[in-house]
Amino acid sequence: MPRYFFHVREGAELSRDEEGQELPHTEAARAEAINSGREMLGERLLHGGSLAHCQIEIADETGRVVDVVSGNDVLMRRGALRSYPDDVTQSAPVAKGQNRPPR
């Protein structure tokens, strides 16, 4: 199984993933990067960090970058805000007269 590395780029600074993770294909690596990006964005929102200029570069075993996931990829899909099935806000009570946004 191929090994993918998830390097985090913030502007000109690059934090390299030295361990990597074995995944079946690039699409699985992209899904993993999006999940990691969700965690990173959540932490930044919680602690007041900047959301700009942060990307996850997915590299294969040779070091070649095979995909890049940006904050926009984490938040948006096909021009609309993404919805995640494990989003805890989906189970939150809705005030009377309010409607949930469509998934």
C-alpha atoms as a PDB file:
ATOM      1  CA  MET A   1       0.000   0.000   0.000  1.00  0.00           C
ATOM      2  CA  PRO A   2       1.402   3.438  -0.864  1.00  0.00           C
ATOM      3  CA  ARG A   3       2.503   5.876   1.829  1.00  0.00           C
ATOM      4  CA  TYR A   4       1.377   9.501   1.710  1.00  0.00           C
ATOM      5  CA  PHE A   5       2.837  12.450   3.597  1.00  0.00           C
ATOM      6  CA  PHE A   6       0.785  15.443   4.711  1.00  0.00           C
ATOM      7  CA  HIS A   7       2.945  18.568   4.781  1.00  0.00           C
ATOM      8  CA  VAL A   8       1.318  21.714   6.196  1.00  0.00           C
ATOM      9  CA  ARG A   9       2.169  24.953   4.419  1.00  0.00           C
ATOM     10  CA  GLU A  10       1.405  28.315   6.023  1.00  0.00           C
ATOM     11  CA  GLY A  11       2.553  31.037   3.667  1.00  0.00           C
ATOM     12  CA  ALA A  12       6.256  30.406   3.016  1.00  0.00           C
ATOM     13  CA  GLU A  13       6.664  28.063   6.021  1.00  0.00           C
ATOM     14  CA  LEU A  14       6.400  24.283   5.480  1.00  0.00           C
ATOM     15  CA  SER A  15       5.973  21.742   8.310  1.00  0.00           C
ATOM     16  CA  ARG A  16       6.962  18.364   6.916  1.00  0.00           C
ATOM     17  CA  ASP A  17       5.237  15.119   7.832  1.00  0.00           C
ATOM     18  CA  GLU A  18       8.143  12.724   8.375  1.00  0.00           C
ATOM     19  CA  GLU A  19       6.010   9.672   9.254  1.00  0.00           C
ATOM     20  CA  GLY A  20       3.289   9.579   6.615  1.00  0.00           C
ATOM     21  CA  GLN A  21       0.374   7.186   6.445  1.00  0.00           C
ATOM     22  CA  GLU A  22      -0.358   4.122   4.325  1.00  0.00           C
ATOM     23  CA  LEU A  23      -3.534   4.597   2.284  1.00  0.00           C
ATOM     24  CA  PRO A  24      -4.927   2.727  -0.724  1.00  0.00           C
ATOM     25  CA  HIS A  25      -4.938   5.659  -3.201  1.00  0.00           C
ATOM     26  CA  THR A  26      -4.695   9.413  -3.693  1.00  0.00           C
ATOM     27  CA  GLU A  27      -8.461   9.911  -3.174  1.00  0.00           C
ATOM     28  CA  ALA A  28      -8.186   8.341   0.304  1.00  0.00           C
ATOM     29  CA  ALA A  29      -5.223  10.626   1.035  1.00  0.00           C
ATOM     30  CA  ARG A  30      -7.280  13.660  -0.032  1.00  0.00           C
ATOM     31  CA  ALA A  31     -10.142  12.595   2.275  1.00  0.00           C
ATOM     32  CA  GLU A  32      -7.638  12.246   5.136  1.00  0.00           C
ATOM     33  CA  ALA A  33      -6.195  15.700   4.377  1.00  0.00           C
ATOM     34  CA  ILE A  34      -9.688  17.227   4.400  1.00  0.00           C
ATOM     35  CA  ASN A  35     -10.383  15.640   7.802  1.00  0.00           C
ATOM     36  CA  SER A  36      -7.082  16.986   9.120  1.00  0.00           C
ATOM     37  CA  GLY A  37      -7.918  20.372   7.663  1.00  0.00           C
ATOM     38  CA  ARG A  38     -11.233  20.356   9.540  1.00  0.00           C
ATOM     39  CA  GLU A  39      -9.386  19.792  12.799  1.00  0.00           C
ATOM     40  CA  MET A  40      -6.862  22.533  12.014  1.00  0.00           C
ATOM     41  CA  LEU A  41      -9.545  25.066  11.065  1.00  0.00           C
ATOM     42  CA  GLY A  42     -11.532  24.200  14.198  1.00  0.00           C
ATOM     43  CA  GLU A  43      -8.498  24.799  16.406  1.00  0.00           C
ATOM     44  CA  ARG A  44      -7.733  28.095  14.681  1.00  0.00           C
ATOM     45  CA  LEU A  45     -11.321  29.288  15.055  1.00  0.00           C
ATOM     46  CA  LEU A  46     -11.357  28.277  18.709  1.00  0.00           C
ATOM     47  CA  HIS A  47      -8.084  30.039  19.501  1.00  0.00           C
ATOM     48  CA  GLY A  48      -8.363  33.020  17.148  1.00  0.00           C
ATOM     49  CA  GLY A  49      -5.740  32.008  14.598  1.00  0.00           C
ATOM     50  CA  SER A  50      -5.668  33.052  10.975  1.00  0.00           C
ATOM     51  CA  LEU A  51      -7.446  30.867   8.427  1.00  0.00           C
ATOM     52  CA  ALA A  52      -5.623  32.381   5.473  1.00  0.00           C
ATOM     53  CA  HIS A  53      -2.759  30.813   3.553  1.00  0.00           C
ATOM     54  CA  CYS A  54      -2.912  27.333   5.109  1.00  0.00           C
ATOM     55  CA  GLN A  55      -2.685  24.288   2.853  1.00  0.00           C
ATOM     56  CA  ILE A  56      -1.974  20.603   3.209  1.00  0.00           C
ATOM     57  CA  GLU A  57       0.349  19.278   0.523  1.00  0.00           C
ATOM     58  CA  ILE A  58      -0.073  15.547  -0.081  1.00  0.00           C
ATOM     59  CA  ALA A  59       3.184  13.958  -1.221  1.00  0.00           C
ATOM     60  CA  ASP A  60       3.803  10.391  -2.355  1.00  0.00           C
ATOM     61  CA  GLU A  61       6.728   8.182  -1.332  1.00  0.00           C
ATOM     62  CA  THR A  62       9.006   9.845  -3.899  1.00  0.00           C
ATOM     63  CA  GLY A  63       8.296  13.293  -2.424  1.00  0.00           C
ATOM     64  CA  ARG A  64       6.192  14.415  -5.401  1.00  0.00           C
ATOM     65  CA  VAL A  65       3.194  16.539  -4.379  1.00  0.00           C
ATOM     66  CA  VAL A  66       0.153  14.700  -5.779  1.00  0.00           C
ATOM     67  CA  ASP A  67      -2.574  17.006  -4.429  1.00  0.00           C
ATOM     68  CA  VAL A  68      -3.067  20.156  -2.354  1.00  0.00           C
ATOM     69  CA  VAL A  69      -5.970  20.750   0.036  1.00  0.00           C
ATOM     70  CA  SER A  70      -6.759  24.339   0.976  1.00  0.00           C
ATOM     71  CA  GLY A  71      -9.039  25.770   3.633  1.00  0.00           C
ATOM     72  CA  ASN A  72     -11.536  26.452   0.865  1.00  0.00           C
ATOM     73  CA  ASP A  73     -11.550  22.726  -0.040  1.00  0.00           C
ATOM     74  CA  VAL A  74     -12.401  21.932   3.584  1.00  0.00           C
ATOM     75  CA  LEU A  75     -15.219  24.487   3.811  1.00  0.00           C
ATOM     76  CA  MET A  76     -16.750  24.404   0.311  1.00  0.00           C
ATOM     77  CA  ARG A  77     -17.907  21.825  -2.235  1.00  0.00           C
ATOM     78  CA  ARG A  78     -19.313  22.781  -5.647  1.00  0.00           C
ATOM     79  CA  GLY A  79     -19.812  26.395  -4.568  1.00  0.00           C
ATOM     80  CA  ALA A  80     -21.740  25.605  -1.368  1.00  0.00           C
ATOM     81  CA  LEU A  81     -20.722  25.134   2.249  1.00  0.00           C
ATOM     82  CA  ARG A  82     -19.792  21.511   2.911  1.00  0.00           C
ATOM     83  CA  SER A  83     -21.869  19.395   5.233  1.00  0.00           C
ATOM     84  CA  TYR A  84     -20.280  16.554   7.172  1.00  0.00           C
ATOM     85  CA  PRO A  85     -22.292  13.613   8.544  1.00  0.00           C
ATOM     86  CA  ASP A  86     -20.401  13.743  11.857  1.00  0.00           C
ATOM     87  CA  ASP A  87     -21.059  17.474  12.347  1.00  0.00           C
ATOM     88  CA  VAL A  88     -22.314  17.784  15.925  1.00  0.00           C
ATOM     89  CA  THR A  89     -24.249  20.934  15.078  1.00  0.00           C
ATOM     90  CA  GLN A  90     -26.591  18.829  12.918  1.00  0.00           C
ATOM     91  CA  SER A  91     -28.005  17.236  16.070  1.00  0.00           C
ATOM     92  CA  ALA A  92     -28.328  20.501  17.996  1.00  0.00           C
ATOM     93  CA  PRO A  93     -31.871  21.588  18.814  1.00  0.00           C
ATOM     94  CA  VAL A  94     -33.384  24.148  16.479  1.00  0.00           C
ATOM     95  CA  ALA A  95     -35.305  27.107  17.920  1.00  0.00           C
ATOM     96  CA  LYS A  96     -38.984  27.192  17.103  1.00  0.00           C
ATOM     97  CA  GLY A  97     -39.569  28.907  13.772  1.00  0.00           C
ATOM     98  CA  GLN A  98     -35.997  28.308  12.549  1.00  0.00           C
ATOM     99  CA  ASN A  99     -35.167  25.973   9.731  1.00  0.00           C
ATOM    100  CA  ARG A 100     -31.979  24.010   9.324  1.00  0.00           C
ATOM    101  CA  PRO A 101     -29.984  24.744   6.195  1.00  0.00           C
ATOM    102  CA  PRO A 102     -30.233  21.913   3.645  1.00  0.00           C
ATOM    103  CA  ARG A 103     -27.426  19.340   3.677  1.00  0.00           C
END
